[in-house]
């Protein structure tokens, strides 16, 4: 068990599945008060629980407001493309559209700045 703002909860988000969906969602109540700041946690748990629309909403929110509210660019292309947390979203048209947009931005930034 690790300690974080949610209290004593299992460190990897996939462990929330073992707690059952209801308990996992209850543990997220505190994180939902700051959805951009905790967008990685929320999106992964929602995706793992099969709550696709909620996961996609949080991913989109993180992309749109991540830098303003968390001072970092969230959900960059390599993370979205490789993370197994989002495997059950890969066939969703909305996820594919987000992925393509992030890929284009990633390639544009590589062209401008190279590997950072």
PDB file of N, CA and C in Angstrom:
ATOM      1  N   UNK A   1       0.837  -1.185   0.000  1.00  0.00           N
ATOM      2  CA  UNK A   1       0.000   0.000   0.000  1.00  0.00           C
ATOM      3  C   UNK A   1       0.878   1.243   0.000  1.00  0.00           C
ATOM      4  N   UNK A   2       0.467   2.220  -0.735  1.00  0.00           N
ATOM      5  CA  UNK A   2       1.182   3.485  -0.737  1.00  0.00           C
ATOM      6  C   UNK A   2       0.274   4.565  -0.170  1.00  0.00           C
ATOM      7  N   UNK A   3       0.869   5.639   0.255  1.00  0.00           N
ATOM      8  CA  UNK A   3       0.120   6.738   0.852  1.00  0.00           C
ATOM      9  C   UNK A   3       0.041   7.866  -0.166  1.00  0.00           C
ATOM     10  N   UNK A   4      -1.145   8.380  -0.387  1.00  0.00           N
ATOM     11  CA  UNK A   4      -1.313   9.542  -1.249  1.00  0.00           C
ATOM     12  C   UNK A   4      -2.526  10.326  -0.779  1.00  0.00           C
ATOM     13  N   UNK A   5      -2.993  11.269  -1.578  1.00  0.00           N
ATOM     14  CA  UNK A   5      -4.095  12.120  -1.134  1.00  0.00           C
ATOM     15  C   UNK A   5      -5.377  11.342  -0.890  1.00  0.00           C
ATOM     16  N   UNK A   6      -5.475  10.185  -1.443  1.00  0.00           N
ATOM     17  CA  UNK A   6      -6.667   9.380  -1.261  1.00  0.00           C
ATOM     18  C   UNK A   6      -6.571   8.487  -0.027  1.00  0.00           C
ATOM     19  N   UNK A   7      -5.459   8.563   0.678  1.00  0.00           N
ATOM     20  CA  UNK A   7      -5.255   7.712   1.842  1.00  0.00           C
ATOM     21  C   UNK A   7      -4.478   6.481   1.447  1.00  0.00           C
ATOM     22  N   UNK A   8      -4.661   5.419   2.209  1.00  0.00           N
ATOM     23  CA  UNK A   8      -3.973   4.168   1.897  1.00  0.00           C
ATOM     24  C   UNK A   8      -4.737   3.438   0.806  1.00  0.00           C
ATOM     25  N   UNK A   9      -4.201   3.507  -0.411  1.00  0.00           N
ATOM     26  CA  UNK A   9      -4.799   2.796  -1.536  1.00  0.00           C
ATOM     27  C   UNK A   9      -3.686   2.058  -2.259  1.00  0.00           C
ATOM     28  N   UNK A  10      -4.006   0.990  -2.942  1.00  0.00           N
ATOM     29  CA  UNK A  10      -2.979   0.266  -3.695  1.00  0.00           C
ATOM     30  C   UNK A  10      -2.308   1.185  -4.703  1.00  0.00           C
ATOM     31  N   UNK A  11      -0.997   1.086  -4.846  1.00  0.00           N
ATOM     32  CA  UNK A  11      -0.237   1.977  -5.720  1.00  0.00           C
ATOM     33  C   UNK A  11      -0.645   1.876  -7.188  1.00  0.00           C
ATOM     34  N   UNK A  12      -0.587   0.704  -7.818  1.00  0.00           N
ATOM     35  CA  UNK A  12      -0.949   0.676  -9.235  1.00  0.00           C
ATOM     36  C   UNK A  12      -2.466   0.783  -9.413  1.00  0.00           C
ATOM     37  N   UNK A  13      -2.913   1.625 -10.355  1.00  0.00           N
ATOM     38  CA  UNK A  13      -4.351   1.792 -10.551  1.00  0.00           C
ATOM     39  C   UNK A  13      -5.106   0.500 -10.843  1.00  0.00           C
ATOM     40  N   UNK A  14      -4.463  -0.474 -11.488  1.00  0.00           N
ATOM     41  CA  UNK A  14      -5.171  -1.717 -11.792  1.00  0.00           C
ATOM     42  C   UNK A  14      -5.603  -2.440 -10.519  1.00  0.00           C
ATOM     43  N   UNK A  15      -4.962  -2.145  -9.392  1.00  0.00           N
ATOM     44  CA  UNK A  15      -5.358  -2.774  -8.128  1.00  0.00           C
ATOM     45  C   UNK A  15      -6.749  -2.308  -7.691  1.00  0.00           C
ATOM     46  N   UNK A  16      -7.190  -1.159  -8.194  1.00  0.00           N
ATOM     47  CA  UNK A  16      -8.533  -0.691  -7.863  1.00  0.00           C
ATOM     48  C   UNK A  16      -9.593  -1.692  -8.321  1.00  0.00           C
ATOM     49  N   UNK A  17      -9.298  -2.411  -9.400  1.00  0.00           N
ATOM     50  CA  UNK A  17     -10.243  -3.406  -9.892  1.00  0.00           C
ATOM     51  C   UNK A  17     -10.526  -4.470  -8.848  1.00  0.00           C
ATOM     52  N   UNK A  18      -9.498  -4.837  -8.089  1.00  0.00           N
ATOM     53  CA  UNK A  18      -9.663  -5.846  -7.064  1.00  0.00           C
ATOM     54  C   UNK A  18     -10.589  -5.371  -5.944  1.00  0.00           C
ATOM     55  N   UNK A  19     -10.676  -4.101  -5.764  1.00  0.00           N
ATOM     56  CA  UNK A  19     -11.534  -3.537  -4.727  1.00  0.00           C
ATOM     57  C   UNK A  19     -13.001  -3.532  -5.150  1.00  0.00           C
ATOM     58  N   UNK A  20     -13.227  -3.709  -6.418  1.00  0.00           N
ATOM     59  CA  UNK A  20     -14.575  -3.628  -6.953  1.00  0.00           C
ATOM     60  C   UNK A  20     -14.828  -2.221  -7.453  1.00  0.00           C
ATOM     61  N   UNK A  21     -15.644  -2.122  -8.477  1.00  0.00           N
ATOM     62  CA  UNK A  21     -15.889  -0.826  -9.111  1.00  0.00           C
ATOM     63  C   UNK A  21     -16.445   0.196  -8.132  1.00  0.00           C
ATOM     64  N   UNK A  22     -17.380  -0.201  -7.313  1.00  0.00           N
ATOM     65  CA  UNK A  22     -17.996   0.760  -6.397  1.00  0.00           C
ATOM     66  C   UNK A  22     -16.983   1.341  -5.417  1.00  0.00           C
ATOM     67  N   UNK A  23     -16.170   0.488  -4.840  1.00  0.00           N
ATOM     68  CA  UNK A  23     -15.179   0.959  -3.886  1.00  0.00           C
ATOM     69  C   UNK A  23     -14.106   1.797  -4.587  1.00  0.00           C
ATOM     70  N   UNK A  24     -13.712   1.380  -5.785  1.00  0.00           N
ATOM     71  CA  UNK A  24     -12.711   2.137  -6.540  1.00  0.00           C
ATOM     72  C   UNK A  24     -13.214   3.544  -6.829  1.00  0.00           C
ATOM     73  N   UNK A  25     -14.467   3.632  -7.254  1.00  0.00           N
ATOM     74  CA  UNK A  25     -15.030   4.945  -7.554  1.00  0.00           C
ATOM     75  C   UNK A  25     -15.159   5.802  -6.298  1.00  0.00           C
ATOM     76  N   UNK A  26     -15.476   5.187  -5.181  1.00  0.00           N
ATOM     77  CA  UNK A  26     -15.564   5.927  -3.923  1.00  0.00           C
ATOM     78  C   UNK A  26     -14.198   6.499  -3.549  1.00  0.00           C
ATOM     79  N   UNK A  27     -13.136   5.745  -3.802  1.00  0.00           N
ATOM     80  CA  UNK A  27     -11.794   6.218  -3.506  1.00  0.00           C
ATOM     81  C   UNK A  27     -11.397   7.410  -4.376  1.00  0.00           C
ATOM     82  N   UNK A  28     -12.040   7.541  -5.523  1.00  0.00           N
ATOM     83  CA  UNK A  28     -11.705   8.623  -6.447  1.00  0.00           C
ATOM     84  C   UNK A  28     -12.416   9.930  -6.131  1.00  0.00           C
ATOM     85  N   UNK A  29     -13.327   9.926  -5.199  1.00  0.00           N
ATOM     86  CA  UNK A  29     -14.107  11.138  -4.912  1.00  0.00           C
ATOM     87  C   UNK A  29     -13.215  12.341  -4.623  1.00  0.00           C
ATOM     88  N   UNK A  30     -12.171  12.153  -3.851  1.00  0.00           N
ATOM     89  CA  UNK A  30     -11.267  13.266  -3.541  1.00  0.00           C
ATOM     90  C   UNK A  30     -10.537  13.733  -4.797  1.00  0.00           C
ATOM     91  N   UNK A  31     -10.098  12.798  -5.620  1.00  0.00           N
ATOM     92  CA  UNK A  31      -9.391  13.147  -6.856  1.00  0.00           C
ATOM     93  C   UNK A  31     -10.309  13.886  -7.824  1.00  0.00           C
ATOM     94  N   UNK A  32     -11.592  13.561  -7.831  1.00  0.00           N
ATOM     95  CA  UNK A  32     -12.534  14.199  -8.757  1.00  0.00           C
ATOM     96  C   UNK A  32     -12.730  15.675  -8.437  1.00  0.00           C
ATOM     97  N   UNK A  33     -12.309  16.112  -7.256  1.00  0.00           N
ATOM     98  CA  UNK A  33     -12.401  17.535  -6.911  1.00  0.00           C
ATOM     99  C   UNK A  33     -11.362  18.351  -7.674  1.00  0.00           C
ATOM    100  N   UNK A  34     -10.309  17.697  -8.138  1.00  0.00           N
ATOM    101  CA  UNK A  34      -9.254  18.340  -8.936  1.00  0.00           C
ATOM    102  C   UNK A  34      -9.002  17.462 -10.162  1.00  0.00           C
ATOM    103  N   UNK A  35      -9.965  17.400 -11.076  1.00  0.00           N
ATOM    104  CA  UNK A  35      -9.872  16.427 -12.174  1.00  0.00           C
ATOM    105  C   UNK A  35      -8.683  16.617 -13.100  1.00  0.00           C
ATOM    106  N   UNK A  36      -8.248  17.845 -13.320  1.00  0.00           N
ATOM    107  CA  UNK A  36      -7.092  18.032 -14.202  1.00  0.00           C
ATOM    108  C   UNK A  36      -5.833  17.537 -13.507  1.00  0.00           C
ATOM    109  N   UNK A  37      -5.647  17.936 -12.270  1.00  0.00           N
ATOM    110  CA  UNK A  37      -4.448  17.557 -11.520  1.00  0.00           C
ATOM    111  C   UNK A  37      -4.326  16.040 -11.396  1.00  0.00           C
ATOM    112  N   UNK A  38      -5.444  15.363 -11.215  1.00  0.00           N
ATOM    113  CA  UNK A  38      -5.439  13.902 -11.059  1.00  0.00           C
ATOM    114  C   UNK A  38      -5.928  13.180 -12.315  1.00  0.00           C
ATOM    115  N   UNK A  39      -5.792  13.824 -13.469  1.00  0.00           N
ATOM    116  CA  UNK A  39      -6.343  13.247 -14.691  1.00  0.00           C
ATOM    117  C   UNK A  39      -5.690  11.920 -15.072  1.00  0.00           C
ATOM    118  N   UNK A  40      -4.387  11.754 -14.799  1.00  0.00           N
ATOM    119  CA  UNK A  40      -3.762  10.468 -15.105  1.00  0.00           C
ATOM    120  C   UNK A  40      -4.413   9.353 -14.294  1.00  0.00           C
ATOM    121  N   UNK A  41      -4.557   9.563 -13.012  1.00  0.00           N
ATOM    122  CA  UNK A  41      -5.174   8.564 -12.137  1.00  0.00           C
ATOM    123  C   UNK A  41      -6.610   8.289 -12.568  1.00  0.00           C
ATOM    124  N   UNK A  42      -7.399   9.338 -12.705  1.00  0.00           N
ATOM    125  CA  UNK A  42      -8.809   9.172 -13.051  1.00  0.00           C
ATOM    126  C   UNK A  42      -8.979   8.470 -14.401  1.00  0.00           C
ATOM    127  N   UNK A  43      -8.249   8.904 -15.407  1.00  0.00           N
ATOM    128  CA  UNK A  43      -8.426   8.322 -16.741  1.00  0.00           C
ATOM    129  C   UNK A  43      -8.058   6.842 -16.756  1.00  0.00           C
ATOM    130  N   UNK A  44      -6.993   6.489 -16.054  1.00  0.00           N
ATOM    131  CA  UNK A  44      -6.573   5.087 -16.048  1.00  0.00           C
ATOM    132  C   UNK A  44      -7.572   4.205 -15.316  1.00  0.00           C
ATOM    133  N   UNK A  45      -8.054   4.664 -14.172  1.00  0.00           N
ATOM    134  CA  UNK A  45      -9.021   3.859 -13.421  1.00  0.00           C
ATOM    135  C   UNK A  45     -10.317   3.740 -14.206  1.00  0.00           C
ATOM    136  N   UNK A  46     -10.810   4.844 -14.749  1.00  0.00           N
ATOM    137  CA  UNK A  46     -12.036   4.769 -15.555  1.00  0.00           C
ATOM    138  C   UNK A  46     -11.856   3.813 -16.726  1.00  0.00           C
ATOM    139  N   UNK A  47     -10.727   3.914 -17.417  1.00  0.00           N
ATOM    140  CA  UNK A  47     -10.490   3.033 -18.569  1.00  0.00           C
ATOM    141  C   UNK A  47     -10.461   1.569 -18.133  1.00  0.00           C
ATOM    142  N   UNK A  48      -9.779   1.286 -17.044  1.00  0.00           N
ATOM    143  CA  UNK A  48      -9.691  -0.092 -16.565  1.00  0.00           C
ATOM    144  C   UNK A  48     -11.041  -0.635 -16.108  1.00  0.00           C
ATOM    145  N   UNK A  49     -11.911   0.244 -15.629  1.00  0.00           N
ATOM    146  CA  UNK A  49     -13.241  -0.176 -15.187  1.00  0.00           C
ATOM    147  C   UNK A  49     -14.232  -0.256 -16.350  1.00  0.00           C
ATOM    148  N   UNK A  50     -13.772   0.069 -17.555  1.00  0.00           N
ATOM    149  CA  UNK A  50     -14.658   0.023 -18.718  1.00  0.00           C
ATOM    150  C   UNK A  50     -15.543   1.241 -18.858  1.00  0.00           C
ATOM    151  N   UNK A  51     -15.250   2.286 -18.115  1.00  0.00           N
ATOM    152  CA  UNK A  51     -16.027   3.533 -18.164  1.00  0.00           C
ATOM    153  C   UNK A  51     -15.392   4.437 -19.219  1.00  0.00           C
ATOM    154  N   UNK A  52     -15.607   4.069 -20.475  1.00  0.00           N
ATOM    155  CA  UNK A  52     -14.899   4.681 -21.594  1.00  0.00           C
ATOM    156  C   UNK A  52     -15.183   6.166 -21.756  1.00  0.00           C
ATOM    157  N   UNK A  53     -16.447   6.557 -21.689  1.00  0.00           N
ATOM    158  CA  UNK A  53     -16.766   7.978 -21.862  1.00  0.00           C
ATOM    159  C   UNK A  53     -16.131   8.832 -20.779  1.00  0.00           C
ATOM    160  N   UNK A  54     -16.156   8.350 -19.542  1.00  0.00           N
ATOM    161  CA  UNK A  54     -15.549   9.089 -18.440  1.00  0.00           C
ATOM    162  C   UNK A  54     -14.039   9.207 -18.639  1.00  0.00           C
ATOM    163  N   UNK A  55     -13.408   8.108 -19.061  1.00  0.00           N
ATOM    164  CA  UNK A  55     -11.962   8.126 -19.318  1.00  0.00           C
ATOM    165  C   UNK A  55     -11.626   9.115 -20.424  1.00  0.00           C
ATOM    166  N   UNK A  56     -12.388   9.078 -21.505  1.00  0.00           N
ATOM    167  CA  UNK A  56     -12.130   9.976 -22.627  1.00  0.00           C
ATOM    168  C   UNK A  56     -12.387  11.428 -22.250  1.00  0.00           C
ATOM    169  N   UNK A  57     -13.413  11.676 -21.448  1.00  0.00           N
ATOM    170  CA  UNK A  57     -13.676  13.045 -20.977  1.00  0.00           C
ATOM    171  C   UNK A  57     -12.498  13.580 -20.186  1.00  0.00           C
ATOM    172  N   UNK A  58     -11.947  12.760 -19.302  1.00  0.00           N
ATOM    173  CA  UNK A  58     -10.821  13.189 -18.464  1.00  0.00           C
ATOM    174  C   UNK A  58      -9.561  13.380 -19.310  1.00  0.00           C
ATOM    175  N   UNK A  59      -9.325  12.499 -20.266  1.00  0.00           N
ATOM    176  CA  UNK A  59      -8.168  12.664 -21.154  1.00  0.00           C
ATOM    177  C   UNK A  59      -8.283  13.989 -21.901  1.00  0.00           C
ATOM    178  N   UNK A  60      -9.459  14.264 -22.447  1.00  0.00           N
ATOM    179  CA  UNK A  60      -9.658  15.506 -23.184  1.00  0.00           C
ATOM    180  C   UNK A  60      -9.480  16.717 -22.274  1.00  0.00           C
ATOM    181  N   UNK A  61     -10.003  16.648 -21.066  1.00  0.00           N
ATOM    182  CA  UNK A  61      -9.853  17.739 -20.100  1.00  0.00           C
ATOM    183  C   UNK A  61      -8.377  17.965 -19.775  1.00  0.00           C
ATOM    184  N   UNK A  62      -7.642  16.889 -19.559  1.00  0.00           N
ATOM    185  CA  UNK A  62      -6.212  17.006 -19.270  1.00  0.00           C
ATOM    186  C   UNK A  62      -5.443  17.643 -20.408  1.00  0.00           C
ATOM    187  N   UNK A  63      -5.789  17.284 -21.635  1.00  0.00           N
ATOM    188  CA  UNK A  63      -5.128  17.869 -22.803  1.00  0.00           C
ATOM    189  C   UNK A  63      -5.440  19.353 -22.900  1.00  0.00           C
ATOM    190  N   UNK A  64      -6.699  19.697 -22.726  1.00  0.00           N
ATOM    191  CA  UNK A  64      -7.125  21.087 -22.888  1.00  0.00           C
ATOM    192  C   UNK A  64      -6.653  22.004 -21.770  1.00  0.00           C
ATOM    193  N   UNK A  65      -6.632  21.515 -20.541  1.00  0.00           N
ATOM    194  CA  UNK A  65      -6.356  22.395 -19.408  1.00  0.00           C
ATOM    195  C   UNK A  65      -5.137  22.005 -18.581  1.00  0.00           C
ATOM    196  N   UNK A  66      -4.428  20.965 -18.994  1.00  0.00           N
ATOM    197  CA  UNK A  66      -3.315  20.460 -18.208  1.00  0.00           C
ATOM    198  C   UNK A  66      -2.244  21.483 -17.910  1.00  0.00           C
ATOM    199  N   UNK A  67      -1.825  22.215 -18.938  1.00  0.00           N
ATOM    200  CA  UNK A  67      -0.741  23.159 -18.698  1.00  0.00           C
ATOM    201  C   UNK A  67      -1.202  24.322 -17.829  1.00  0.00           C
ATOM    202  N   UNK A  68      -2.414  24.781 -18.045  1.00  0.00           N
ATOM    203  CA  UNK A  68      -2.931  25.909 -17.266  1.00  0.00           C
ATOM    204  C   UNK A  68      -3.080  25.562 -15.794  1.00  0.00           C
ATOM    205  N   UNK A  69      -3.544  24.356 -15.501  1.00  0.00           N
ATOM    206  CA  UNK A  69      -3.859  24.004 -14.121  1.00  0.00           C
ATOM    207  C   UNK A  69      -2.801  23.156 -13.432  1.00  0.00           C
ATOM    208  N   UNK A  70      -2.052  22.368 -14.175  1.00  0.00           N
ATOM    209  CA  UNK A  70      -1.062  21.481 -13.556  1.00  0.00           C
ATOM    210  C   UNK A  70       0.374  21.834 -13.972  1.00  0.00           C
ATOM    211  N   UNK A  71       0.524  22.849 -14.797  1.00  0.00           N
ATOM    212  CA  UNK A  71       1.817  23.319 -15.283  1.00  0.00           C
ATOM    213  C   UNK A  71       2.615  22.225 -16.002  1.00  0.00           C
ATOM    214  N   UNK A  72       1.890  21.379 -16.704  1.00  0.00           N
ATOM    215  CA  UNK A  72       2.558  20.399 -17.560  1.00  0.00           C
ATOM    216  C   UNK A  72       1.611  19.974 -18.673  1.00  0.00           C
ATOM    217  N   UNK A  73       2.211  19.541 -19.767  1.00  0.00           N
ATOM    218  CA  UNK A  73       1.411  19.034 -20.867  1.00  0.00           C
ATOM    219  C   UNK A  73       1.045  17.596 -20.551  1.00  0.00           C
ATOM    220  N   UNK A  74      -0.238  17.335 -20.511  1.00  0.00           N
ATOM    221  CA  UNK A  74      -0.722  16.009 -20.135  1.00  0.00           C
ATOM    222  C   UNK A  74      -1.122  15.196 -21.359  1.00  0.00           C
ATOM    223  N   UNK A  75      -1.011  13.906 -21.246  1.00  0.00           N
ATOM    224  CA  UNK A  75      -1.443  12.956 -22.261  1.00  0.00           C
ATOM    225  C   UNK A  75      -0.755  13.180 -23.606  1.00  0.00           C
ATOM    226  N   UNK A  76       0.548  13.240 -23.559  1.00  0.00           N
ATOM    227  CA  UNK A  76       1.311  13.367 -24.788  1.00  0.00           C
ATOM    228  C   UNK A  76       1.224  12.064 -25.580  1.00  0.00           C
ATOM    229  N   UNK A  77       1.482  12.170 -26.862  1.00  0.00           N
ATOM    230  CA  UNK A  77       1.311  11.037 -27.776  1.00  0.00           C
ATOM    231  C   UNK A  77       2.005   9.745 -27.335  1.00  0.00           C
ATOM    232  N   UNK A  78       3.293   9.774 -26.969  1.00  0.00           N
ATOM    233  CA  UNK A  78       3.930   8.492 -26.597  1.00  0.00           C
ATOM    234  C   UNK A  78       3.220   7.788 -25.441  1.00  0.00           C
ATOM    235  N   UNK A  79       2.755   8.548 -24.471  1.00  0.00           N
ATOM    236  CA  UNK A  79       2.040   7.964 -23.335  1.00  0.00           C
ATOM    237  C   UNK A  79       0.727   7.332 -23.791  1.00  0.00           C
ATOM    238  N   UNK A  80      -0.051   8.063 -24.559  1.00  0.00           N
ATOM    239  CA  UNK A  80      -1.330   7.537 -25.040  1.00  0.00           C
ATOM    240  C   UNK A  80      -1.135   6.323 -25.945  1.00  0.00           C
ATOM    241  N   UNK A  81      -0.118   6.382 -26.784  1.00  0.00           N
ATOM    242  CA  UNK A  81       0.106   5.315 -27.759  1.00  0.00           C
ATOM    243  C   UNK A  81       0.590   4.022 -27.118  1.00  0.00           C
ATOM    244  N   UNK A  82       1.322   4.113 -26.023  1.00  0.00           N
ATOM    245  CA  UNK A  82       1.972   2.938 -25.450  1.00  0.00           C
ATOM    246  C   UNK A  82       1.352   2.406 -24.167  1.00  0.00           C
ATOM    247  N   UNK A  83       0.631   3.226 -23.433  1.00  0.00           N
ATOM    248  CA  UNK A  83       0.142   2.814 -22.122  1.00  0.00           C
ATOM    249  C   UNK A  83      -0.922   1.724 -22.226  1.00  0.00           C
ATOM    250  N   UNK A  84      -0.678   0.614 -21.551  1.00  0.00           N
ATOM    251  CA  UNK A  84      -1.637  -0.494 -21.566  1.00  0.00           C
ATOM    252  C   UNK A  84      -2.935  -0.138 -20.834  1.00  0.00           C
ATOM    253  N   UNK A  85      -2.918   0.911 -20.048  1.00  0.00           N
ATOM    254  CA  UNK A  85      -4.137   1.323 -19.349  1.00  0.00           C
ATOM    255  C   UNK A  85      -5.255   1.673 -20.333  1.00  0.00           C
ATOM    256  N   UNK A  86      -4.866   2.111 -21.512  1.00  0.00           N
ATOM    257  CA  UNK A  86      -5.855   2.573 -22.484  1.00  0.00           C
ATOM    258  C   UNK A  86      -6.148   1.543 -23.577  1.00  0.00           C
ATOM    259  N   UNK A  87      -5.725   0.318 -23.388  1.00  0.00           N
ATOM    260  CA  UNK A  87      -5.933  -0.709 -24.411  1.00  0.00           C
ATOM    261  C   UNK A  87      -7.408  -0.881 -24.779  1.00  0.00           C
ATOM    262  N   UNK A  88      -8.298  -0.816 -23.811  1.00  0.00           N
ATOM    263  CA  UNK A  88      -9.715  -1.016 -24.141  1.00  0.00           C
ATOM    264  C   UNK A  88     -10.363   0.231 -24.748  1.00  0.00           C
ATOM    265  N   UNK A  89      -9.597   1.310 -24.900  1.00  0.00           N
ATOM    266  CA  UNK A  89     -10.105   2.517 -25.565  1.00  0.00           C
ATOM    267  C   UNK A  89      -9.656   2.594 -27.024  1.00  0.00           C
ATOM    268  N   UNK A  90      -8.710   1.773 -27.398  1.00  0.00           N
ATOM    269  CA  UNK A  90      -8.072   1.916 -28.711  1.00  0.00           C
ATOM    270  C   UNK A  90      -9.026   1.773 -29.897  1.00  0.00           C
ATOM    271  N   UNK A  91     -10.121   1.068 -29.742  1.00  0.00           N
ATOM    272  CA  UNK A  91     -11.082   0.917 -30.837  1.00  0.00           C
ATOM    273  C   UNK A  91     -12.137   2.022 -30.853  1.00  0.00           C
ATOM    274  N   UNK A  92     -12.105   2.881 -29.864  1.00  0.00           N
ATOM    275  CA  UNK A  92     -13.075   3.973 -29.785  1.00  0.00           C
ATOM    276  C   UNK A  92     -12.702   5.085 -30.761  1.00  0.00           C
ATOM    277  N   UNK A  93     -13.636   5.510 -31.610  1.00  0.00           N
ATOM    278  CA  UNK A  93     -13.335   6.586 -32.564  1.00  0.00           C
ATOM    279  C   UNK A  93     -12.838   7.860 -31.873  1.00  0.00           C
ATOM    280  N   UNK A  94     -13.403   8.171 -30.753  1.00  0.00           N
ATOM    281  CA  UNK A  94     -12.994   9.382 -30.027  1.00  0.00           C
ATOM    282  C   UNK A  94     -11.541   9.255 -29.540  1.00  0.00           C
ATOM    283  N   UNK A  95     -11.154   8.098 -29.058  1.00  0.00           N
ATOM    284  CA  UNK A  95      -9.770   7.893 -28.628  1.00  0.00           C
ATOM    285  C   UNK A  95      -8.831   7.984 -29.826  1.00  0.00           C
ATOM    286  N   UNK A  96      -9.217   7.361 -30.933  1.00  0.00           N
ATOM    287  CA  UNK A  96      -8.373   7.406 -32.132  1.00  0.00           C
ATOM    288  C   UNK A  96      -8.185   8.841 -32.615  1.00  0.00           C
ATOM    289  N   UNK A  97      -9.249   9.656 -32.526  1.00  0.00           N
ATOM    290  CA  UNK A  97      -9.151  11.066 -32.929  1.00  0.00           C
ATOM    291  C   UNK A  97      -8.207  11.831 -32.002  1.00  0.00           C
ATOM    292  N   UNK A  98      -8.319  11.589 -30.703  1.00  0.00           N
ATOM    293  CA  UNK A  98      -7.416  12.222 -29.734  1.00  0.00           C
ATOM    294  C   UNK A  98      -5.986  11.798 -30.018  1.00  0.00           C
ATOM    295  N   UNK A  99      -5.781  10.514 -30.247  1.00  0.00           N
ATOM    296  CA  UNK A  99      -4.444   9.980 -30.504  1.00  0.00           C
ATOM    297  C   UNK A  99      -3.835  10.601 -31.764  1.00  0.00           C
ATOM    298  N   UNK A 100      -4.612  10.711 -32.818  1.00  0.00           N
ATOM    299  CA  UNK A 100      -4.110  11.304 -34.064  1.00  0.00           C
ATOM    300  C   UNK A 100      -3.742  12.770 -33.867  1.00  0.00           C
ATOM    301  N   UNK A 101      -4.573  13.495 -33.136  1.00  0.00           N
ATOM    302  CA  UNK A 101      -4.285  14.913 -32.875  1.00  0.00           C
ATOM    303  C   UNK A 101      -3.005  15.056 -32.051  1.00  0.00           C
ATOM    304  N   UNK A 102      -2.847  14.215 -31.035  1.00  0.00           N
ATOM    305  CA  UNK A 102      -1.653  14.274 -30.198  1.00  0.00           C
ATOM    306  C   UNK A 102      -0.411  13.834 -30.980  1.00  0.00           C
ATOM    307  N   UNK A 103      -0.589  12.884 -31.887  1.00  0.00           N
ATOM    308  CA  UNK A 103       0.534  12.442 -32.718  1.00  0.00           C
ATOM    309  C   UNK A 103       1.006  13.577 -33.617  1.00  0.00           C
ATOM    310  N   UNK A 104       0.065  14.273 -34.240  1.00  0.00           N
ATOM    311  CA  UNK A 104       0.427  15.399 -35.113  1.00  0.00           C
ATOM    312  C   UNK A 104       1.163  16.476 -34.323  1.00  0.00           C
ATOM    313  N   UNK A 105       0.688  16.782 -33.138  1.00  0.00           N
ATOM    314  CA  UNK A 105       1.339  17.781 -32.283  1.00  0.00           C
ATOM    315  C   UNK A 105       2.739  17.305 -31.880  1.00  0.00           C
ATOM    316  N   UNK A 106       2.850  16.041 -31.551  1.00  0.00           N
ATOM    317  CA  UNK A 106       4.138  15.453 -31.165  1.00  0.00           C
ATOM    318  C   UNK A 106       5.142  15.551 -32.317  1.00  0.00           C
ATOM    319  N   UNK A 107       4.726  15.177 -33.505  1.00  0.00           N
ATOM    320  CA  UNK A 107       5.620  15.226 -34.671  1.00  0.00           C
ATOM    321  C   UNK A 107       6.005  16.664 -35.009  1.00  0.00           C
ATOM    322  N   UNK A 108       5.064  17.573 -34.880  1.00  0.00           N
ATOM    323  CA  UNK A 108       5.352  18.991 -35.111  1.00  0.00           C
ATOM    324  C   UNK A 108       6.397  19.496 -34.108  1.00  0.00           C
ATOM    325  N   UNK A 109       6.233  19.127 -32.842  1.00  0.00           N
ATOM    326  CA  UNK A 109       7.192  19.557 -31.818  1.00  0.00           C
ATOM    327  C   UNK A 109       8.563  18.924 -32.019  1.00  0.00           C
ATOM    328  N   UNK A 110       8.581  17.675 -32.454  1.00  0.00           N
ATOM    329  CA  UNK A 110       9.877  17.032 -32.758  1.00  0.00           C
ATOM    330  C   UNK A 110      10.595  17.769 -33.892  1.00  0.00           C
ATOM    331  N   UNK A 111       9.823  18.156 -34.890  1.00  0.00           N
ATOM    332  CA  UNK A 111      10.404  18.870 -36.018  1.00  0.00           C
ATOM    333  C   UNK A 111      10.971  20.231 -35.564  1.00  0.00           C
ATOM    334  N   UNK A 112      10.225  20.920 -34.707  1.00  0.00           N
ATOM    335  CA  UNK A 112      10.648  22.237 -34.223  1.00  0.00           C
ATOM    336  C   UNK A 112      11.812  22.164 -33.252  1.00  0.00           C
ATOM    337  N   UNK A 113      11.698  21.250 -32.295  1.00  0.00           N
ATOM    338  CA  UNK A 113      12.616  21.266 -31.155  1.00  0.00           C
ATOM    339  C   UNK A 113      13.545  20.065 -31.074  1.00  0.00           C
ATOM    340  N   UNK A 114      13.286  19.024 -31.832  1.00  0.00           N
ATOM    341  CA  UNK A 114      14.069  17.812 -31.717  1.00  0.00           C
ATOM    342  C   UNK A 114      13.715  17.078 -30.436  1.00  0.00           C
ATOM    343  N   UNK A 115      14.528  16.120 -30.046  1.00  0.00           N
ATOM    344  CA  UNK A 115      14.288  15.373 -28.819  1.00  0.00           C
ATOM    345  C   UNK A 115      14.674  16.244 -27.646  1.00  0.00           C
ATOM    346  N   UNK A 116      13.757  16.421 -26.727  1.00  0.00           N
ATOM    347  CA  UNK A 116      14.039  17.253 -25.548  1.00  0.00           C
ATOM    348  C   UNK A 116      14.494  16.412 -24.395  1.00  0.00           C
TER     349      UNK A 116
END
